[in-house]
């Protein structure tokens, strides 16, 4: 974890956040610990992003730590969304936007 320095890239200190996540493992009742707030619904995406960034930073071919903030899949989805938006704008606001959640849920069998 020491090799990743994302402080200059974002307002979050991912390394400290991941350390706090790891601290949750030390508690028998982590939700009642000083870092229990990390288990809340509002923190899940932030925590997932921090842990993903730390995992991605272990790739030895990564030259710039800012590349770790978003996975390639995340960048692809952002680009796809931007392309759908641009296409819609060029068509006079006609057509459907890109909704990855809808696509993911369409293949679900409940």
N, C-alpha and C. Protein backbone atom coordinates (compact mmCIF):
# COMPACT_ATOMS: atom_id res chain seq x y z
N UNK A 1 0.82 -1.20 0.00
CA UNK A 1 0.00 0.00 0.00
C UNK A 1 0.86 1.26 0.00
N UNK A 2 2.06 1.15 0.48
CA UNK A 2 2.90 2.33 0.58
C UNK A 2 3.27 2.90 -0.78
N UNK A 3 3.24 2.08 -1.83
CA UNK A 3 3.63 2.55 -3.14
C UNK A 3 2.60 3.44 -3.82
N UNK A 4 1.42 3.53 -3.28
CA UNK A 4 0.36 4.30 -3.91
C UNK A 4 0.22 5.64 -3.23
N UNK A 5 0.34 6.71 -4.00
CA UNK A 5 0.15 8.04 -3.44
C UNK A 5 -0.92 8.74 -4.25
N UNK A 6 -2.14 8.67 -3.78
CA UNK A 6 -3.26 9.27 -4.50
C UNK A 6 -3.71 10.57 -3.86
N UNK A 7 -2.99 11.05 -2.85
CA UNK A 7 -3.41 12.26 -2.15
C UNK A 7 -3.54 13.44 -3.09
N UNK A 8 -2.61 13.55 -4.03
CA UNK A 8 -2.65 14.68 -4.95
C UNK A 8 -3.71 14.52 -6.02
N UNK A 9 -4.23 13.32 -6.17
CA UNK A 9 -5.18 13.04 -7.23
C UNK A 9 -6.62 13.31 -6.82
N UNK A 10 -6.94 13.11 -5.56
CA UNK A 10 -8.31 13.25 -5.10
C UNK A 10 -8.32 13.86 -3.73
N UNK A 11 -9.52 14.19 -3.24
CA UNK A 11 -9.65 14.71 -1.89
C UNK A 11 -9.64 13.59 -0.86
N UNK A 12 -9.72 12.35 -1.31
CA UNK A 12 -9.71 11.20 -0.40
C UNK A 12 -8.31 10.66 -0.26
N UNK A 13 -7.95 10.27 0.92
CA UNK A 13 -6.69 9.57 1.12
C UNK A 13 -7.02 8.09 1.12
N UNK A 14 -6.92 7.48 -0.03
CA UNK A 14 -7.32 6.09 -0.20
C UNK A 14 -6.55 5.15 0.71
N UNK A 15 -5.27 5.38 0.89
CA UNK A 15 -4.47 4.47 1.72
C UNK A 15 -5.00 4.43 3.15
N UNK A 16 -5.31 5.60 3.72
CA UNK A 16 -5.85 5.64 5.08
C UNK A 16 -7.23 4.99 5.14
N UNK A 17 -8.02 5.21 4.11
CA UNK A 17 -9.37 4.63 4.08
C UNK A 17 -9.30 3.10 4.04
N UNK A 18 -8.38 2.58 3.25
CA UNK A 18 -8.23 1.13 3.17
C UNK A 18 -7.71 0.58 4.50
N UNK A 19 -6.82 1.31 5.16
CA UNK A 19 -6.35 0.88 6.49
C UNK A 19 -7.52 0.82 7.47
N UNK A 20 -8.40 1.81 7.40
CA UNK A 20 -9.58 1.80 8.27
C UNK A 20 -10.47 0.60 7.96
N UNK A 21 -10.59 0.27 6.68
CA UNK A 21 -11.39 -0.91 6.30
C UNK A 21 -10.77 -2.18 6.87
N UNK A 22 -9.46 -2.27 6.78
CA UNK A 22 -8.77 -3.45 7.32
C UNK A 22 -8.95 -3.52 8.84
N UNK A 23 -9.04 -2.37 9.49
CA UNK A 23 -9.23 -2.34 10.94
C UNK A 23 -10.56 -2.98 11.33
N UNK A 24 -11.53 -2.93 10.45
CA UNK A 24 -12.83 -3.55 10.74
C UNK A 24 -12.70 -5.04 11.05
N UNK A 25 -11.71 -5.66 10.45
CA UNK A 25 -11.51 -7.10 10.64
C UNK A 25 -11.10 -7.45 12.07
N UNK A 26 -10.57 -6.47 12.80
CA UNK A 26 -10.08 -6.73 14.16
C UNK A 26 -11.20 -6.77 15.19
N UNK A 27 -12.37 -6.29 14.84
CA UNK A 27 -13.46 -6.17 15.80
C UNK A 27 -14.44 -7.33 15.70
N UNK A 28 -14.88 -7.78 16.85
CA UNK A 28 -15.91 -8.81 16.89
C UNK A 28 -17.24 -8.25 16.41
N UNK A 29 -17.52 -7.00 16.78
CA UNK A 29 -18.72 -6.29 16.33
C UNK A 29 -18.26 -5.02 15.60
N UNK A 30 -17.83 -5.15 14.34
CA UNK A 30 -17.25 -4.01 13.63
C UNK A 30 -18.19 -2.81 13.50
N UNK A 31 -19.50 -3.06 13.41
CA UNK A 31 -20.44 -1.95 13.26
C UNK A 31 -20.45 -1.05 14.50
N UNK A 32 -19.97 -1.56 15.64
CA UNK A 32 -19.94 -0.77 16.87
C UNK A 32 -18.56 -0.17 17.14
N UNK A 33 -17.63 -0.35 16.23
CA UNK A 33 -16.28 0.16 16.40
C UNK A 33 -16.20 1.62 15.96
N UNK A 34 -15.03 2.22 16.19
CA UNK A 34 -14.82 3.62 15.80
C UNK A 34 -14.84 3.80 14.28
N UNK A 35 -14.63 2.73 13.54
CA UNK A 35 -14.69 2.81 12.07
C UNK A 35 -15.92 2.10 11.52
N UNK A 36 -16.88 1.83 12.38
CA UNK A 36 -18.10 1.14 11.98
C UNK A 36 -18.93 1.89 10.96
N UNK A 37 -18.75 3.21 10.91
CA UNK A 37 -19.49 4.02 9.93
C UNK A 37 -19.19 3.57 8.50
N UNK A 38 -18.05 2.94 8.29
CA UNK A 38 -17.68 2.48 6.95
C UNK A 38 -18.60 1.39 6.43
N UNK A 39 -19.34 0.75 7.31
CA UNK A 39 -20.25 -0.31 6.91
C UNK A 39 -21.60 0.22 6.46
N UNK A 40 -21.83 1.50 6.62
CA UNK A 40 -23.12 2.10 6.26
C UNK A 40 -23.34 2.13 4.76
N UNK A 41 -24.60 2.15 4.37
CA UNK A 41 -24.96 2.18 2.95
C UNK A 41 -24.32 3.35 2.21
N UNK A 42 -24.25 4.50 2.87
CA UNK A 42 -23.73 5.70 2.20
C UNK A 42 -22.23 5.61 1.93
N UNK A 43 -21.54 4.70 2.58
CA UNK A 43 -20.09 4.58 2.43
C UNK A 43 -19.66 3.48 1.48
N UNK A 44 -20.56 2.62 1.11
CA UNK A 44 -20.18 1.42 0.35
C UNK A 44 -19.45 1.72 -0.96
N UNK A 45 -19.97 2.64 -1.73
CA UNK A 45 -19.34 2.94 -3.02
C UNK A 45 -17.96 3.57 -2.82
N UNK A 46 -17.85 4.44 -1.83
CA UNK A 46 -16.56 5.08 -1.54
C UNK A 46 -15.54 4.02 -1.13
N UNK A 47 -15.97 3.11 -0.26
CA UNK A 47 -15.08 2.05 0.21
C UNK A 47 -14.68 1.14 -0.95
N UNK A 48 -15.65 0.77 -1.77
CA UNK A 48 -15.36 -0.10 -2.92
C UNK A 48 -14.36 0.57 -3.85
N UNK A 49 -14.53 1.86 -4.11
CA UNK A 49 -13.60 2.58 -4.97
C UNK A 49 -12.20 2.61 -4.38
N UNK A 50 -12.11 2.83 -3.07
CA UNK A 50 -10.80 2.88 -2.41
C UNK A 50 -10.10 1.53 -2.47
N UNK A 51 -10.83 0.49 -2.15
CA UNK A 51 -10.23 -0.85 -2.18
C UNK A 51 -9.85 -1.23 -3.61
N UNK A 52 -10.70 -0.92 -4.58
CA UNK A 52 -10.38 -1.21 -5.99
C UNK A 52 -9.12 -0.47 -6.42
N UNK A 53 -8.99 0.80 -6.02
CA UNK A 53 -7.81 1.58 -6.38
C UNK A 53 -6.55 0.96 -5.79
N UNK A 54 -6.64 0.49 -4.56
CA UNK A 54 -5.48 -0.14 -3.94
C UNK A 54 -5.13 -1.45 -4.65
N UNK A 55 -6.12 -2.23 -5.00
CA UNK A 55 -5.86 -3.49 -5.71
C UNK A 55 -5.25 -3.20 -7.08
N UNK A 56 -5.83 -2.24 -7.81
CA UNK A 56 -5.32 -1.91 -9.13
C UNK A 56 -3.90 -1.36 -9.06
N UNK A 57 -3.56 -0.70 -7.95
CA UNK A 57 -2.22 -0.12 -7.82
C UNK A 57 -1.14 -1.18 -7.68
N UNK A 58 -1.51 -2.42 -7.40
CA UNK A 58 -0.51 -3.48 -7.27
C UNK A 58 -0.03 -3.99 -8.62
N UNK A 59 -0.65 -3.52 -9.70
CA UNK A 59 -0.23 -3.91 -11.05
C UNK A 59 1.12 -3.24 -11.34
N UNK A 60 2.18 -4.01 -11.55
CA UNK A 60 3.50 -3.41 -11.76
C UNK A 60 3.61 -2.61 -13.06
N UNK A 61 2.70 -2.79 -13.99
CA UNK A 61 2.78 -2.04 -15.25
C UNK A 61 2.15 -0.66 -15.16
N UNK A 62 1.53 -0.33 -14.03
CA UNK A 62 0.92 0.99 -13.86
C UNK A 62 2.01 2.01 -13.57
N UNK A 63 2.12 3.01 -14.41
CA UNK A 63 3.14 4.04 -14.26
C UNK A 63 2.63 5.24 -13.46
N UNK A 64 1.36 5.56 -13.64
CA UNK A 64 0.77 6.73 -12.99
C UNK A 64 -0.31 6.25 -12.02
N UNK A 65 -0.18 6.59 -10.75
CA UNK A 65 -1.13 6.10 -9.74
C UNK A 65 -2.54 6.61 -9.99
N UNK A 66 -2.69 7.69 -10.74
CA UNK A 66 -4.05 8.19 -11.03
C UNK A 66 -4.83 7.21 -11.90
N UNK A 67 -4.11 6.36 -12.64
CA UNK A 67 -4.78 5.34 -13.45
C UNK A 67 -5.56 4.37 -12.58
N UNK A 68 -5.17 4.25 -11.33
CA UNK A 68 -5.80 3.29 -10.41
C UNK A 68 -7.14 3.78 -9.89
N UNK A 69 -7.44 5.04 -10.07
CA UNK A 69 -8.69 5.57 -9.54
C UNK A 69 -9.90 5.00 -10.24
N UNK A 70 -9.72 4.59 -11.48
CA UNK A 70 -10.83 4.01 -12.24
C UNK A 70 -10.31 2.80 -13.02
N UNK A 71 -11.03 1.73 -12.94
CA UNK A 71 -10.63 0.54 -13.69
C UNK A 71 -10.86 0.79 -15.18
N UNK A 72 -10.32 -0.07 -15.99
CA UNK A 72 -10.54 0.05 -17.44
C UNK A 72 -12.01 -0.12 -17.78
N UNK A 73 -12.67 -1.01 -17.07
CA UNK A 73 -14.10 -1.20 -17.29
C UNK A 73 -14.87 0.07 -16.95
N UNK A 74 -14.51 0.71 -15.85
CA UNK A 74 -15.16 1.96 -15.46
C UNK A 74 -14.95 3.03 -16.53
N UNK A 75 -13.72 3.15 -17.01
CA UNK A 75 -13.44 4.14 -18.06
C UNK A 75 -14.21 3.82 -19.33
N UNK A 76 -14.31 2.53 -19.67
CA UNK A 76 -15.06 2.12 -20.85
C UNK A 76 -16.53 2.49 -20.70
N UNK A 77 -17.11 2.23 -19.54
CA UNK A 77 -18.51 2.56 -19.31
C UNK A 77 -18.75 4.07 -19.35
N UNK A 78 -17.81 4.84 -18.82
CA UNK A 78 -17.93 6.30 -18.88
C UNK A 78 -17.88 6.80 -20.32
N UNK A 79 -16.96 6.22 -21.11
CA UNK A 79 -16.85 6.60 -22.51
C UNK A 79 -18.09 6.21 -23.29
N UNK A 80 -18.61 5.03 -23.03
CA UNK A 80 -19.83 4.56 -23.69
C UNK A 80 -21.00 5.48 -23.35
N UNK A 81 -21.09 5.87 -22.10
CA UNK A 81 -22.15 6.77 -21.67
C UNK A 81 -22.02 8.13 -22.37
N UNK A 82 -20.79 8.63 -22.48
CA UNK A 82 -20.56 9.91 -23.15
C UNK A 82 -20.91 9.81 -24.64
N UNK A 83 -20.61 8.68 -25.27
CA UNK A 83 -20.94 8.49 -26.68
C UNK A 83 -22.46 8.46 -26.89
N UNK A 84 -23.17 7.76 -26.01
CA UNK A 84 -24.63 7.74 -26.10
C UNK A 84 -25.20 9.14 -25.95
N UNK A 85 -24.65 9.91 -25.01
CA UNK A 85 -25.13 11.27 -24.79
C UNK A 85 -24.87 12.14 -26.01
N UNK A 86 -23.68 12.03 -26.58
CA UNK A 86 -23.34 12.81 -27.77
C UNK A 86 -24.25 12.43 -28.94
N UNK A 87 -24.50 11.15 -29.12
CA UNK A 87 -25.39 10.69 -30.19
C UNK A 87 -26.79 11.27 -30.00
N UNK A 88 -27.23 11.27 -28.77
CA UNK A 88 -28.56 11.81 -28.47
C UNK A 88 -28.62 13.32 -28.76
N UNK A 89 -27.57 14.04 -28.38
CA UNK A 89 -27.53 15.47 -28.64
C UNK A 89 -27.52 15.76 -30.14
N UNK A 90 -26.79 14.96 -30.90
CA UNK A 90 -26.73 15.14 -32.35
C UNK A 90 -28.06 14.81 -33.02
N UNK A 91 -28.89 14.02 -32.37
CA UNK A 91 -30.21 13.66 -32.89
C UNK A 91 -31.31 14.54 -32.32
N UNK A 92 -30.96 15.73 -31.88
CA UNK A 92 -31.97 16.66 -31.36
C UNK A 92 -32.65 16.16 -30.10
N UNK A 93 -31.87 15.60 -29.19
CA UNK A 93 -32.37 15.05 -27.92
C UNK A 93 -33.36 13.91 -28.12
N UNK A 94 -33.23 13.23 -29.24
CA UNK A 94 -34.07 12.06 -29.51
C UNK A 94 -33.25 10.80 -29.25
N UNK A 95 -33.90 9.81 -28.74
CA UNK A 95 -33.23 8.54 -28.49
C UNK A 95 -33.01 8.31 -27.01
N UNK A 96 -32.62 7.11 -26.71
CA UNK A 96 -32.47 6.71 -25.33
C UNK A 96 -31.03 6.91 -24.86
N UNK A 97 -30.88 7.24 -23.60
CA UNK A 97 -29.57 7.34 -23.00
C UNK A 97 -29.03 5.97 -22.65
N UNK A 98 -27.80 5.93 -22.26
CA UNK A 98 -27.16 4.67 -21.86
C UNK A 98 -27.41 4.44 -20.38
N UNK A 99 -28.03 3.32 -20.07
CA UNK A 99 -28.36 2.98 -18.69
C UNK A 99 -27.78 1.61 -18.36
N UNK A 100 -26.53 1.56 -17.88
CA UNK A 100 -25.90 0.26 -17.63
C UNK A 100 -26.66 -0.58 -16.60
N UNK A 101 -27.28 0.05 -15.62
CA UNK A 101 -28.01 -0.71 -14.61
C UNK A 101 -29.18 -1.46 -15.23
N UNK A 102 -29.85 -0.81 -16.16
CA UNK A 102 -30.98 -1.45 -16.85
C UNK A 102 -30.50 -2.65 -17.66
N UNK A 103 -29.36 -2.48 -18.32
CA UNK A 103 -28.81 -3.58 -19.12
C UNK A 103 -28.39 -4.74 -18.23
N UNK A 104 -27.75 -4.42 -17.12
CA UNK A 104 -27.32 -5.48 -16.19
C UNK A 104 -28.51 -6.21 -15.59
N UNK A 105 -29.57 -5.48 -15.27
CA UNK A 105 -30.74 -6.10 -14.67
C UNK A 105 -31.57 -6.89 -15.67
N UNK A 106 -31.43 -6.59 -16.96
CA UNK A 106 -32.24 -7.27 -17.97
C UNK A 106 -31.88 -8.75 -18.08
N UNK A 107 -30.67 -9.11 -17.73
CA UNK A 107 -30.25 -10.50 -17.80
C UNK A 107 -30.46 -11.26 -16.51
N UNK A 108 -31.01 -10.61 -15.53
CA UNK A 108 -31.23 -11.22 -14.21
C UNK A 108 -32.40 -12.17 -14.20
N UNK A 109 -32.24 -13.22 -13.46
CA UNK A 109 -33.35 -14.16 -13.26
C UNK A 109 -33.68 -14.15 -11.78
N UNK A 110 -34.77 -13.51 -11.43
CA UNK A 110 -35.15 -13.40 -10.01
C UNK A 110 -35.91 -14.60 -9.52
